[in-house]
Amino acid sequence: MFETLLSIIFVYIFIFLGYLAKRIFKKEMDSKTLTLFSVYFLQAFVTVWGFSTAKLSLEHALVPLYYIGIILLLLIPTLFLAKMFIKDPKEKAIVSIAGFAGNTGNIGIPLGIALFGMESVIYTTLINIANVFVIYILGVYIYSRGSFSIKQSLFNILKIPIIPASAIAILLNINNVNIAPQIQEFLKMGAYAGIVLQLFLLGTFLYGIKLTALKKSLFIIVMSQKFIIIPLATAFILSFTDLSLFLQGIILMEMMVPLAIANINLASLYNCRPKELTVLILLSTLIFVPILFFLSKIIAQFYF
């Protein structure tokens, strides 16, 4: 448990560095520029490198398919309810997608190692890649709808380089194309840079935010969705599957990780209240720390 918390603390030191940089350099440290660089350049490296680290098989593919399937199953009624009860389009976008876009990379992968061992890496990596599709297809569309028309929102999906990059990476993987060690190292450098920039970017958004700026209703809805509704619904759905308890535990864990930093990328890119989303990400990370203690107990008792 201590090792898990320590690994998360070290990862989030980069958030503090981003906050410090923004505090020192103010307007010279432009968060929008960092967002554009991350979305249109480095995030493609993260995906391509991820696909190159493990050979895809049918058994491995089932886990991310279940992950995406559960998200889609829960997303449909969420979209319907948000449309019925929330008037503001930007707030509607946040409620619709933020809770489903978890931090499956920076937190999910190291947490999986701590709770389930190295055997979990192949599964958490593939879930993280599946989450990329959730964020950069569904997320792009929903966040775009907070400010753009349906036509423009669909076009925004096509403009994100991570989508064609992922398609190419999948084709290379399933066709057993060997990647030279030099290229592999190049992709790894870009991927690590993308992960670090994501954390750094969150830190820049944290500067100057006020917790009071976040609507109480938005906080209650998103946090309840993230840490109560989605986990309970996931556990219920998984109980009807043939997946082993080990794999069910991994999927449940990934559904409970804090909100993804990529939410800020899209909210900033499409002017959908990035400041409020930054507060939600920060609070979800803080709330997750005590939840992590109980999660580790539950996993130890029921999934081993």
C-alpha atoms as a PDB file:
ATOM      1  CA  MET A   1       0.000   0.000   0.000  1.00  0.00           C
ATOM      2  CA  PHE A   2       2.804   2.419   0.917  1.00  0.00           C
ATOM      3  CA  GLU A   3       4.640   1.607  -2.331  1.00  0.00           C
ATOM      4  CA  THR A   4       1.455   2.346  -4.303  1.00  0.00           C
ATOM      5  CA  LEU A   5       0.982   5.754  -2.722  1.00  0.00           C
ATOM      6  CA  LEU A   6       4.690   6.530  -3.115  1.00  0.00           C
ATOM      7  CA  SER A   7       4.624   5.748  -6.836  1.00  0.00           C
ATOM      8  CA  ILE A   8       1.594   8.010  -7.332  1.00  0.00           C
ATOM      9  CA  ILE A   9       3.232  10.820  -5.334  1.00  0.00           C
ATOM     10  CA  PHE A  10       6.369  10.695  -7.488  1.00  0.00           C
ATOM     11  CA  VAL A  11       4.299  10.763 -10.673  1.00  0.00           C
ATOM     12  CA  TYR A  12       2.422  13.849  -9.494  1.00  0.00           C
ATOM     13  CA  ILE A  13       5.593  15.759  -8.734  1.00  0.00           C
ATOM     14  CA  PHE A  14       5.407  16.744 -12.407  1.00  0.00           C
ATOM     15  CA  ILE A  15       2.051  18.399 -11.664  1.00  0.00           C
ATOM     16  CA  PHE A  16       3.735  20.524  -9.014  1.00  0.00           C
ATOM     17  CA  LEU A  17       6.466  21.478 -11.502  1.00  0.00           C
ATOM     18  CA  GLY A  18       3.802  22.637 -13.967  1.00  0.00           C
ATOM     19  CA  TYR A  19       2.119  24.678 -11.249  1.00  0.00           C
ATOM     20  CA  LEU A  20       5.476  26.173 -10.237  1.00  0.00           C
ATOM     21  CA  ALA A  21       6.328  27.077 -13.832  1.00  0.00           C
ATOM     22  CA  LYS A  22       2.982  28.838 -14.321  1.00  0.00           C
ATOM     23  CA  ARG A  23       3.351  30.652 -11.001  1.00  0.00           C
ATOM     24  CA  ILE A  24       6.838  31.934 -11.925  1.00  0.00           C
ATOM     25  CA  PHE A  25       6.379  32.763 -15.618  1.00  0.00           C
ATOM     26  CA  LYS A  26       2.652  33.649 -15.624  1.00  0.00           C
ATOM     27  CA  LYS A  27       1.488  34.502 -19.182  1.00  0.00           C
ATOM     28  CA  GLU A  28       4.794  33.417 -20.720  1.00  0.00           C
ATOM     29  CA  MET A  29       3.834  29.826 -19.825  1.00  0.00           C
ATOM     30  CA  ASP A  30       0.904  29.448 -22.223  1.00  0.00           C
ATOM     31  CA  SER A  31      -1.305  26.456 -21.328  1.00  0.00           C
ATOM     32  CA  LYS A  32      -3.099  26.523 -24.711  1.00  0.00           C
ATOM     33  CA  THR A  33       0.224  26.132 -26.555  1.00  0.00           C
ATOM     34  CA  LEU A  34       1.142  23.171 -24.364  1.00  0.00           C
ATOM     35  CA  THR A  35      -2.285  21.652 -25.046  1.00  0.00           C
ATOM     36  CA  LEU A  36      -1.877  21.951 -28.825  1.00  0.00           C
ATOM     37  CA  PHE A  37       1.600  20.421 -28.659  1.00  0.00           C
ATOM     38  CA  SER A  38       0.340  17.540 -26.539  1.00  0.00           C
ATOM     39  CA  VAL A  39      -2.796  16.734 -28.554  1.00  0.00           C
ATOM     40  CA  TYR A  40      -1.412  17.203 -32.061  1.00  0.00           C
ATOM     41  CA  PHE A  41       2.083  15.785 -31.580  1.00  0.00           C
ATOM     42  CA  LEU A  42       3.019  13.815 -28.469  1.00  0.00           C
ATOM     43  CA  GLN A  43      -0.185  11.859 -27.736  1.00  0.00           C
ATOM     44  CA  ALA A  44       0.240   9.968 -31.014  1.00  0.00           C
ATOM     45  CA  PHE A  45       3.606   8.730 -29.709  1.00  0.00           C
ATOM     46  CA  VAL A  46       1.957   7.433 -26.526  1.00  0.00           C
ATOM     47  CA  THR A  47      -0.504   5.299 -28.503  1.00  0.00           C
ATOM     48  CA  VAL A  48       1.910   3.956 -31.119  1.00  0.00           C
ATOM     49  CA  TRP A  49       4.475   3.054 -28.460  1.00  0.00           C
ATOM     50  CA  GLY A  50       1.777   1.373 -26.356  1.00  0.00           C
ATOM     51  CA  PHE A  51       0.789  -0.919 -29.205  1.00  0.00           C
ATOM     52  CA  SER A  52       4.425  -1.794 -29.883  1.00  0.00           C
ATOM     53  CA  THR A  53       5.081  -3.062 -26.325  1.00  0.00           C
ATOM     54  CA  ALA A  54       2.778  -6.110 -26.417  1.00  0.00           C
ATOM     55  CA  LYS A  55       1.526  -8.512 -29.068  1.00  0.00           C
ATOM     56  CA  LEU A  56      -2.237  -8.472 -29.359  1.00  0.00           C
ATOM     57  CA  SER A  57      -4.088 -11.764 -28.857  1.00  0.00           C
ATOM     58  CA  LEU A  58      -7.785 -12.675 -28.620  1.00  0.00           C
ATOM     59  CA  GLU A  59      -7.526 -13.299 -24.865  1.00  0.00           C
ATOM     60  CA  HIS A  60      -5.874  -9.935 -24.281  1.00  0.00           C
ATOM     61  CA  ALA A  61      -8.318  -8.127 -26.559  1.00  0.00           C
ATOM     62  CA  LEU A  62     -11.354  -9.278 -24.565  1.00  0.00           C
ATOM     63  CA  VAL A  63     -10.462  -7.104 -21.568  1.00  0.00           C
ATOM     64  CA  PRO A  64     -10.413  -3.698 -23.364  1.00  0.00           C
ATOM     65  CA  LEU A  65     -13.509  -4.770 -25.326  1.00  0.00           C
ATOM     66  CA  TYR A  66     -15.365  -5.381 -22.056  1.00  0.00           C
ATOM     67  CA  TYR A  67     -14.035  -2.048 -20.790  1.00  0.00           C
ATOM     68  CA  ILE A  68     -15.342  -0.133 -23.819  1.00  0.00           C
ATOM     69  CA  GLY A  69     -18.580  -2.145 -23.823  1.00  0.00           C
ATOM     70  CA  ILE A  70     -19.352  -1.233 -20.206  1.00  0.00           C
ATOM     71  CA  ILE A  71     -18.593   2.438 -20.882  1.00  0.00           C
ATOM     72  CA  LEU A  72     -20.914   2.512 -23.900  1.00  0.00           C
ATOM     73  CA  LEU A  73     -23.617   0.692 -21.947  1.00  0.00           C
ATOM     74  CA  LEU A  74     -23.479   3.263 -19.151  1.00  0.00           C
ATOM     75  CA  LEU A  75     -22.849   6.269 -21.403  1.00  0.00           C
ATOM     76  CA  ILE A  76     -26.145   5.968 -23.294  1.00  0.00           C
ATOM     77  CA  PRO A  77     -28.440   6.562 -20.285  1.00  0.00           C
ATOM     78  CA  THR A  78     -26.008   9.220 -19.014  1.00  0.00           C
ATOM     79  CA  LEU A  79     -26.313  11.188 -22.262  1.00  0.00           C
ATOM     80  CA  PHE A  80     -30.097  10.849 -22.135  1.00  0.00           C
ATOM     81  CA  LEU A  81     -30.377  12.016 -18.526  1.00  0.00           C
ATOM     82  CA  ALA A  82     -27.923  14.889 -19.068  1.00  0.00           C
ATOM     83  CA  LYS A  83     -29.945  16.071 -22.057  1.00  0.00           C
ATOM     84  CA  MET A  84     -33.158  15.956 -20.030  1.00  0.00           C
ATOM     85  CA  PHE A  85     -32.029  17.639 -16.817  1.00  0.00           C
ATOM     86  CA  ILE A  86     -29.041  19.888 -17.674  1.00  0.00           C
ATOM     87  CA  LYS A  87     -29.598  23.011 -19.759  1.00  0.00           C
ATOM     88  CA  ASP A  88     -26.093  24.478 -20.068  1.00  0.00           C
ATOM     89  CA  PRO A  89     -24.333  22.756 -23.045  1.00  0.00           C
ATOM     90  CA  LYS A  90     -20.840  22.956 -21.533  1.00  0.00           C
ATOM     91  CA  GLU A  91     -21.958  21.556 -18.184  1.00  0.00           C
ATOM     92  CA  LYS A  92     -23.901  18.875 -20.054  1.00  0.00           C
ATOM     93  CA  ALA A  93     -20.714  17.876 -21.907  1.00  0.00           C
ATOM     94  CA  ILE A  94     -18.689  17.589 -18.681  1.00  0.00           C
ATOM     95  CA  VAL A  95     -21.320  15.457 -16.929  1.00  0.00           C
ATOM     96  CA  SER A  96     -21.692  13.228 -20.004  1.00  0.00           C
ATOM     97  CA  ILE A  97     -18.064  12.193 -20.497  1.00  0.00           C
ATOM     98  CA  ALA A  98     -15.695  13.302 -17.706  1.00  0.00           C
ATOM     99  CA  GLY A  99     -16.529  10.420 -15.337  1.00  0.00           C
ATOM    100  CA  PHE A 100     -15.885   7.824 -18.052  1.00  0.00           C
ATOM    101  CA  ALA A 101     -12.481   9.220 -19.048  1.00  0.00           C
ATOM    102  CA  GLY A 102     -10.247   7.936 -16.256  1.00  0.00           C
ATOM    103  CA  ASN A 103      -6.502   8.278 -15.722  1.00  0.00           C
ATOM    104  CA  THR A 104      -5.801   4.705 -16.860  1.00  0.00           C
ATOM    105  CA  GLY A 105      -2.231   5.514 -17.891  1.00  0.00           C
ATOM    106  CA  ASN A 106      -0.399   7.615 -15.308  1.00  0.00           C
ATOM    107  CA  ILE A 107      -2.275   6.044 -12.382  1.00  0.00           C
ATOM    108  CA  GLY A 108      -3.932   2.893 -13.759  1.00  0.00           C
ATOM    109  CA  ILE A 109      -0.790   1.106 -14.977  1.00  0.00           C
ATOM    110  CA  PRO A 110       1.417   1.593 -11.868  1.00  0.00           C
ATOM    111  CA  LEU A 111      -1.580   0.938  -9.613  1.00  0.00           C
ATOM    112  CA  GLY A 112      -2.265  -2.310 -11.456  1.00  0.00           C
ATOM    113  CA  ILE A 113       1.301  -3.424 -10.811  1.00  0.00           C
ATOM    114  CA  ALA A 114       0.987  -2.592  -7.116  1.00  0.00           C
ATOM    115  CA  LEU A 115      -2.357  -4.359  -6.637  1.00  0.00           C
ATOM    116  CA  PHE A 116      -2.176  -7.242  -9.133  1.00  0.00           C
ATOM    117  CA  GLY A 117       1.523  -7.662  -9.969  1.00  0.00           C
ATOM    118  CA  MET A 118       3.388  -7.492 -13.275  1.00  0.00           C
ATOM    119  CA  GLU A 119       0.863  -9.882 -14.868  1.00  0.00           C
ATOM    120  CA  SER A 120      -1.550  -6.952 -15.052  1.00  0.00           C
ATOM    121  CA  VAL A 121       0.648  -4.766 -17.282  1.00  0.00           C
ATOM    122  CA  ILE A 122      -0.503  -6.215 -20.604  1.00  0.00           C
ATOM    123  CA  TYR A 123      -4.139  -5.703 -19.601  1.00  0.00           C
ATOM    124  CA  THR A 124      -3.762  -2.216 -18.114  1.00  0.00           C
ATOM    125  CA  THR A 125      -1.774  -1.131 -21.183  1.00  0.00           C
ATOM    126  CA  LEU A 126      -4.514  -2.321 -23.540  1.00  0.00           C
ATOM    127  CA  ILE A 127      -7.228  -0.722 -21.386  1.00  0.00           C
ATOM    128  CA  ASN A 128      -5.271   2.534 -21.492  1.00  0.00           C
ATOM    129  CA  ILE A 129      -5.186   2.351 -25.272  1.00  0.00           C
ATOM    130  CA  ALA A 130      -8.938   1.625 -25.322  1.00  0.00           C
ATOM    131  CA  ASN A 131      -9.401   4.648 -23.090  1.00  0.00           C
ATOM    132  CA  VAL A 132      -7.539   6.749 -25.644  1.00  0.00           C
ATOM    133  CA  PHE A 133     -10.228   5.866 -28.175  1.00  0.00           C
ATOM    134  CA  VAL A 134     -12.943   6.762 -25.649  1.00  0.00           C
ATOM    135  CA  ILE A 135     -11.341  10.140 -24.949  1.00  0.00           C
ATOM    136  CA  TYR A 136     -10.305  11.098 -28.465  1.00  0.00           C
ATOM    137  CA  ILE A 137     -13.456   9.935 -30.261  1.00  0.00           C
ATOM    138  CA  LEU A 138     -16.369  10.196 -27.823  1.00  0.00           C
ATOM    139  CA  GLY A 139     -14.599  12.854 -25.742  1.00  0.00           C
ATOM    140  CA  VAL A 140     -13.711  15.030 -28.724  1.00  0.00           C
ATOM    141  CA  TYR A 141     -17.283  14.896 -29.997  1.00  0.00           C
ATOM    142  CA  ILE A 142     -18.981  15.546 -26.636  1.00  0.00           C
ATOM    143  CA  TYR A 143     -16.634  18.356 -25.548  1.00  0.00           C
ATOM    144  CA  SER A 144     -16.919  19.896 -29.026  1.00  0.00           C
ATOM    145  CA  ARG A 145     -20.702  19.892 -28.726  1.00  0.00           C
ATOM    146  CA  GLY A 146     -20.300  22.258 -25.791  1.00  0.00           C
ATOM    147  CA  SER A 147     -19.220  24.934 -28.280  1.00  0.00           C
ATOM    148  CA  PHE A 148     -19.651  23.588 -31.848  1.00  0.00           C
ATOM    149  CA  SER A 149     -22.301  22.139 -34.155  1.00  0.00           C
ATOM    150  CA  ILE A 150     -22.679  18.374 -34.767  1.00  0.00           C
ATOM    151  CA  LYS A 151     -20.951  18.661 -38.154  1.00  0.00           C
ATOM    152  CA  GLN A 152     -17.989  20.600 -36.755  1.00  0.00           C
ATOM    153  CA  SER A 153     -17.730  18.227 -33.774  1.00  0.00           C
ATOM    154  CA  LEU A 154     -17.469  15.206 -36.092  1.00  0.00           C
ATOM    155  CA  PHE A 155     -14.834  17.020 -38.136  1.00  0.00           C
ATOM    156  CA  ASN A 156     -12.875  17.753 -34.949  1.00  0.00           C
ATOM    157  CA  ILE A 157     -12.518  13.986 -34.367  1.00  0.00           C
ATOM    158  CA  LEU A 158     -10.916  13.532 -37.786  1.00  0.00           C
ATOM    159  CA  LYS A 159      -8.425  16.328 -37.106  1.00  0.00           C
ATOM    160  CA  ILE A 160      -6.928  14.590 -34.045  1.00  0.00           C
ATOM    161  CA  PRO A 161      -3.703  12.786 -35.176  1.00  0.00           C
ATOM    162  CA  ILE A 162      -4.006  10.097 -32.497  1.00  0.00           C
ATOM    163  CA  ILE A 163      -6.854   8.386 -34.387  1.00  0.00           C
ATOM    164  CA  PRO A 164      -4.985   7.603 -37.659  1.00  0.00           C
ATOM    165  CA  ALA A 165      -1.811   6.936 -35.626  1.00  0.00           C
ATOM    166  CA  SER A 166      -3.690   4.297 -33.602  1.00  0.00           C
ATOM    167  CA  ALA A 167      -5.066   2.660 -36.757  1.00  0.00           C
ATOM    168  CA  ILE A 168      -1.556   2.402 -38.210  1.00  0.00           C
ATOM    169  CA  ALA A 169      -0.193   1.019 -34.930  1.00  0.00           C
ATOM    170  CA  ILE A 170      -2.896  -1.686 -34.817  1.00  0.00           C
ATOM    171  CA  LEU A 171      -2.156  -2.732 -38.402  1.00  0.00           C
ATOM    172  CA  LEU A 172       1.561  -2.985 -37.639  1.00  0.00           C
ATOM    173  CA  ASN A 173       0.859  -5.070 -34.539  1.00  0.00           C
ATOM    174  CA  ILE A 174      -1.550  -7.604 -36.045  1.00  0.00           C
ATOM    175  CA  ASN A 175       0.674  -8.008 -39.141  1.00  0.00           C
ATOM    176  CA  ASN A 176       3.725  -8.801 -36.960  1.00  0.00           C
ATOM    177  CA  VAL A 177       5.785  -5.940 -38.355  1.00  0.00           C
ATOM    178  CA  ASN A 178       9.076  -5.790 -36.472  1.00  0.00           C
ATOM    179  CA  ILE A 179      10.076  -2.323 -35.309  1.00  0.00           C
ATOM    180  CA  ALA A 180      13.798  -1.620 -35.193  1.00  0.00           C
ATOM    181  CA  PRO A 181      15.222  -1.012 -31.698  1.00  0.00           C
ATOM    182  CA  GLN A 182      16.230   2.530 -32.672  1.00  0.00           C
ATOM    183  CA  ILE A 183      12.663   3.353 -33.759  1.00  0.00           C
ATOM    184  CA  GLN A 184      11.301   1.686 -30.627  1.00  0.00           C
ATOM    185  CA  GLU A 185      13.501   3.905 -28.484  1.00  0.00           C
ATOM    186  CA  PHE A 186      12.394   6.945 -30.478  1.00  0.00           C
ATOM    187  CA  LEU A 187       8.724   6.091 -29.868  1.00  0.00           C
ATOM    188  CA  LYS A 188       9.421   5.491 -26.173  1.00  0.00           C
ATOM    189  CA  MET A 189      11.050   8.907 -25.811  1.00  0.00           C
ATOM    190  CA  GLY A 190       8.050  10.585 -27.445  1.00  0.00           C
ATOM    191  CA  ALA A 191       5.594   8.599 -25.310  1.00  0.00           C
ATOM    192  CA  TYR A 192       7.336   9.444 -22.041  1.00  0.00           C
ATOM    193  CA  ALA A 193       7.486  13.091 -23.105  1.00  0.00           C
ATOM    194  CA  GLY A 194       3.737  12.997 -23.800  1.00  0.00           C
ATOM    195  CA  ILE A 195       2.949  11.500 -20.380  1.00  0.00           C
ATOM    196  CA  VAL A 196       5.136  14.039 -18.570  1.00  0.00           C
ATOM    197  CA  LEU A 197       3.658  16.944 -20.539  1.00  0.00           C
ATOM    198  CA  GLN A 198       0.143  15.810 -19.593  1.00  0.00           C
ATOM    199  CA  LEU A 199       1.044  15.997 -15.901  1.00  0.00           C
ATOM    200  CA  PHE A 200       2.896  19.281 -16.367  1.00  0.00           C
ATOM    201  CA  LEU A 201      -0.118  20.710 -18.197  1.00  0.00           C
ATOM    202  CA  LEU A 202      -2.434  19.878 -15.299  1.00  0.00           C
ATOM    203  CA  GLY A 203      -0.099  21.819 -13.010  1.00  0.00           C
ATOM    204  CA  THR A 204      -0.301  24.924 -15.203  1.00  0.00           C
ATOM    205  CA  PHE A 205      -4.113  24.807 -15.072  1.00  0.00           C
ATOM    206  CA  LEU A 206      -4.058  24.443 -11.295  1.00  0.00           C
ATOM    207  CA  TYR A 207      -2.433  27.854 -10.928  1.00  0.00           C
ATOM    208  CA  GLY A 208      -4.978  30.511 -10.119  1.00  0.00           C
ATOM    209  CA  ILE A 209      -7.990  28.214  -9.832  1.00  0.00           C
ATOM    210  CA  LYS A 210     -10.506  28.659  -7.044  1.00  0.00           C
ATOM    211  CA  LEU A 211     -12.423  25.746  -5.573  1.00  0.00           C
ATOM    212  CA  THR A 212     -15.378  28.074  -5.089  1.00  0.00           C
ATOM    213  CA  ALA A 213     -15.567  28.572  -8.856  1.00  0.00           C
ATOM    214  CA  LEU A 214     -16.794  24.990  -9.235  1.00  0.00           C
ATOM    215  CA  LYS A 215     -20.546  24.570  -8.999  1.00  0.00           C
ATOM    216  CA  LYS A 216     -21.489  22.343  -6.067  1.00  0.00           C
ATOM    217  CA  SER A 217     -24.058  20.481  -8.171  1.00  0.00           C
ATOM    218  CA  LEU A 218     -21.465  19.697 -10.863  1.00  0.00           C
ATOM    219  CA  PHE A 219     -19.030  18.394  -8.234  1.00  0.00           C
ATOM    220  CA  ILE A 220     -21.659  16.136  -6.610  1.00  0.00           C
ATOM    221  CA  ILE A 221     -22.886  14.720  -9.927  1.00  0.00           C
ATOM    222  CA  VAL A 222     -19.444  13.947 -11.397  1.00  0.00           C
ATOM    223  CA  MET A 223     -17.935  12.541  -8.175  1.00  0.00           C
ATOM    224  CA  SER A 224     -21.012  10.397  -7.471  1.00  0.00           C
ATOM    225  CA  GLN A 225     -20.891   9.138 -11.022  1.00  0.00           C
ATOM    226  CA  LYS A 226     -17.165   8.396 -10.877  1.00  0.00           C
ATOM    227  CA  PHE A 227     -16.847   6.739  -7.482  1.00  0.00           C
ATOM    228  CA  ILE A 228     -20.316   5.289  -6.807  1.00  0.00           C
ATOM    229  CA  ILE A 229     -22.509   4.760  -9.878  1.00  0.00           C
ATOM    230  CA  ILE A 230     -19.869   3.590 -12.387  1.00  0.00           C
ATOM    231  CA  PRO A 231     -18.044   1.163 -10.006  1.00  0.00           C
ATOM    232  CA  LEU A 232     -21.294  -0.411  -8.734  1.00  0.00           C
ATOM    233  CA  ALA A 233     -22.701  -0.747 -12.254  1.00  0.00           C
ATOM    234  CA  THR A 234     -19.380  -2.204 -13.481  1.00  0.00           C
ATOM    235  CA  ALA A 235     -19.264  -4.798 -10.685  1.00  0.00           C
ATOM    236  CA  PHE A 236     -22.871  -5.760 -11.434  1.00  0.00           C
ATOM    237  CA  ILE A 237     -22.255  -6.161 -15.171  1.00  0.00           C
ATOM    238  CA  LEU A 238     -19.010  -8.097 -14.677  1.00  0.00           C
ATOM    239  CA  SER A 239     -20.768 -10.560 -12.353  1.00  0.00           C
ATOM    240  CA  PHE A 240     -22.637 -11.888 -15.412  1.00  0.00           C
ATOM    241  CA  THR A 241     -19.476 -12.470 -17.481  1.00  0.00           C
ATOM    242  CA  ASP A 242     -17.131 -15.458 -17.723  1.00  0.00           C
ATOM    243  CA  LEU A 243     -14.053 -13.360 -16.997  1.00  0.00           C
ATOM    244  CA  SER A 244     -11.797 -14.540 -14.199  1.00  0.00           C
ATOM    245  CA  LEU A 245     -11.944 -12.638 -10.919  1.00  0.00           C
ATOM    246  CA  PHE A 246      -8.413 -11.420 -11.643  1.00  0.00           C
ATOM    247  CA  LEU A 247      -9.522  -9.713 -14.880  1.00  0.00           C
ATOM    248  CA  GLN A 248     -12.738  -8.439 -13.316  1.00  0.00           C
ATOM    249  CA  GLY A 249     -10.669  -6.805 -10.570  1.00  0.00           C
ATOM    250  CA  ILE A 250      -8.422  -5.077 -13.114  1.00  0.00           C
ATOM    251  CA  ILE A 251     -11.399  -3.669 -15.049  1.00  0.00           C
ATOM    252  CA  LEU A 252     -13.094  -2.501 -11.841  1.00  0.00           C
ATOM    253  CA  MET A 253      -9.891  -0.791 -10.709  1.00  0.00           C
ATOM    254  CA  GLU A 254      -9.521   1.014 -14.035  1.00  0.00           C
ATOM    255  CA  MET A 255     -13.108   2.249 -13.832  1.00  0.00           C
ATOM    256  CA  MET A 256     -12.350   3.837 -10.450  1.00  0.00           C
ATOM    257  CA  VAL A 257      -9.120   5.726 -11.185  1.00  0.00           C
ATOM    258  CA  PRO A 258      -9.377   9.559 -10.996  1.00  0.00           C
ATOM    259  CA  LEU A 259     -10.444  11.691 -13.952  1.00  0.00           C
ATOM    260  CA  ALA A 260      -8.002  11.708 -16.864  1.00  0.00           C
ATOM    261  CA  ILE A 261      -5.781  14.727 -17.406  1.00  0.00           C
ATOM    262  CA  ALA A 262      -6.688  14.480 -21.104  1.00  0.00           C
ATOM    263  CA  ASN A 263     -10.061  15.957 -20.133  1.00  0.00           C
ATOM    264  CA  ILE A 264      -8.236  19.268 -19.728  1.00  0.00           C
ATOM    265  CA  ASN A 265      -6.713  18.971 -23.212  1.00  0.00           C
ATOM    266  CA  LEU A 266     -10.109  18.690 -24.866  1.00  0.00           C
ATOM    267  CA  ALA A 267     -11.900  21.134 -22.597  1.00  0.00           C
ATOM    268  CA  SER A 268      -9.195  23.722 -23.302  1.00  0.00           C
ATOM    269  CA  LEU A 269      -9.103  22.952 -27.019  1.00  0.00           C
ATOM    270  CA  TYR A 270     -12.873  23.387 -27.396  1.00  0.00           C
ATOM    271  CA  ASN A 271     -13.414  26.075 -24.737  1.00  0.00           C
ATOM    272  CA  CYS A 272     -15.483  23.838 -22.469  1.00  0.00           C
ATOM    273  CA  ARG A 273     -14.663  25.156 -18.976  1.00  0.00           C
ATOM    274  CA  PRO A 274     -11.100  23.803 -18.538  1.00  0.00           C
ATOM    275  CA  LYS A 275     -10.733  25.570 -15.171  1.00  0.00           C
ATOM    276  CA  GLU A 276     -13.698  23.726 -13.690  1.00  0.00           C
ATOM    277  CA  LEU A 277     -12.477  20.436 -15.114  1.00  0.00           C
ATOM    278  CA  THR A 278      -9.056  21.067 -13.565  1.00  0.00           C
ATOM    279  CA  VAL A 279     -10.708  21.414 -10.153  1.00  0.00           C
ATOM    280  CA  LEU A 280     -12.696  18.218 -10.736  1.00  0.00           C
ATOM    281  CA  ILE A 281      -9.521  16.315 -11.681  1.00  0.00           C
ATOM    282  CA  LEU A 282      -7.684  17.621  -8.625  1.00  0.00           C
ATOM    283  CA  LEU A 283     -10.554  16.739  -6.265  1.00  0.00           C
ATOM    284  CA  SER A 284     -11.058  13.299  -7.826  1.00  0.00           C
ATOM    285  CA  THR A 285      -7.347  12.589  -7.259  1.00  0.00           C
ATOM    286  CA  LEU A 286      -7.582  13.634  -3.601  1.00  0.00           C
ATOM    287  CA  ILE A 287     -10.787  11.662  -3.027  1.00  0.00           C
ATOM    288  CA  PHE A 288      -9.214   8.584  -4.633  1.00  0.00           C
ATOM    289  CA  VAL A 289      -6.458   8.354  -1.973  1.00  0.00           C
ATOM    290  CA  PRO A 290      -8.741   7.103   0.864  1.00  0.00           C
ATOM    291  CA  ILE A 291     -10.780   5.076  -1.645  1.00  0.00           C
ATOM    292  CA  LEU A 292      -7.553   3.349  -2.680  1.00  0.00           C
ATOM    293  CA  PHE A 293      -7.195   1.898   0.823  1.00  0.00           C
ATOM    294  CA  PHE A 294     -10.640   0.255   0.683  1.00  0.00           C
ATOM    295  CA  LEU A 295     -10.155  -0.770  -2.955  1.00  0.00           C
ATOM    296  CA  SER A 296      -6.972  -2.668  -2.064  1.00  0.00           C
ATOM    297  CA  LYS A 297      -8.843  -4.465   0.759  1.00  0.00           C
ATOM    298  CA  ILE A 298     -11.738  -5.416  -1.527  1.00  0.00           C
ATOM    299  CA  ILE A 299      -9.422  -6.684  -4.260  1.00  0.00           C
ATOM    300  CA  ALA A 300      -7.377  -8.712  -1.763  1.00  0.00           C
ATOM    301  CA  GLN A 301     -10.531 -10.342  -0.373  1.00  0.00           C
ATOM    302  CA  PHE A 302     -12.605 -10.981  -3.496  1.00  0.00           C
ATOM    303  CA  TYR A 303     -10.227 -11.118  -6.453  1.00  0.00           C
ATOM    304  CA  PHE A 304      -7.431 -13.324  -5.119  1.00  0.00           C
END
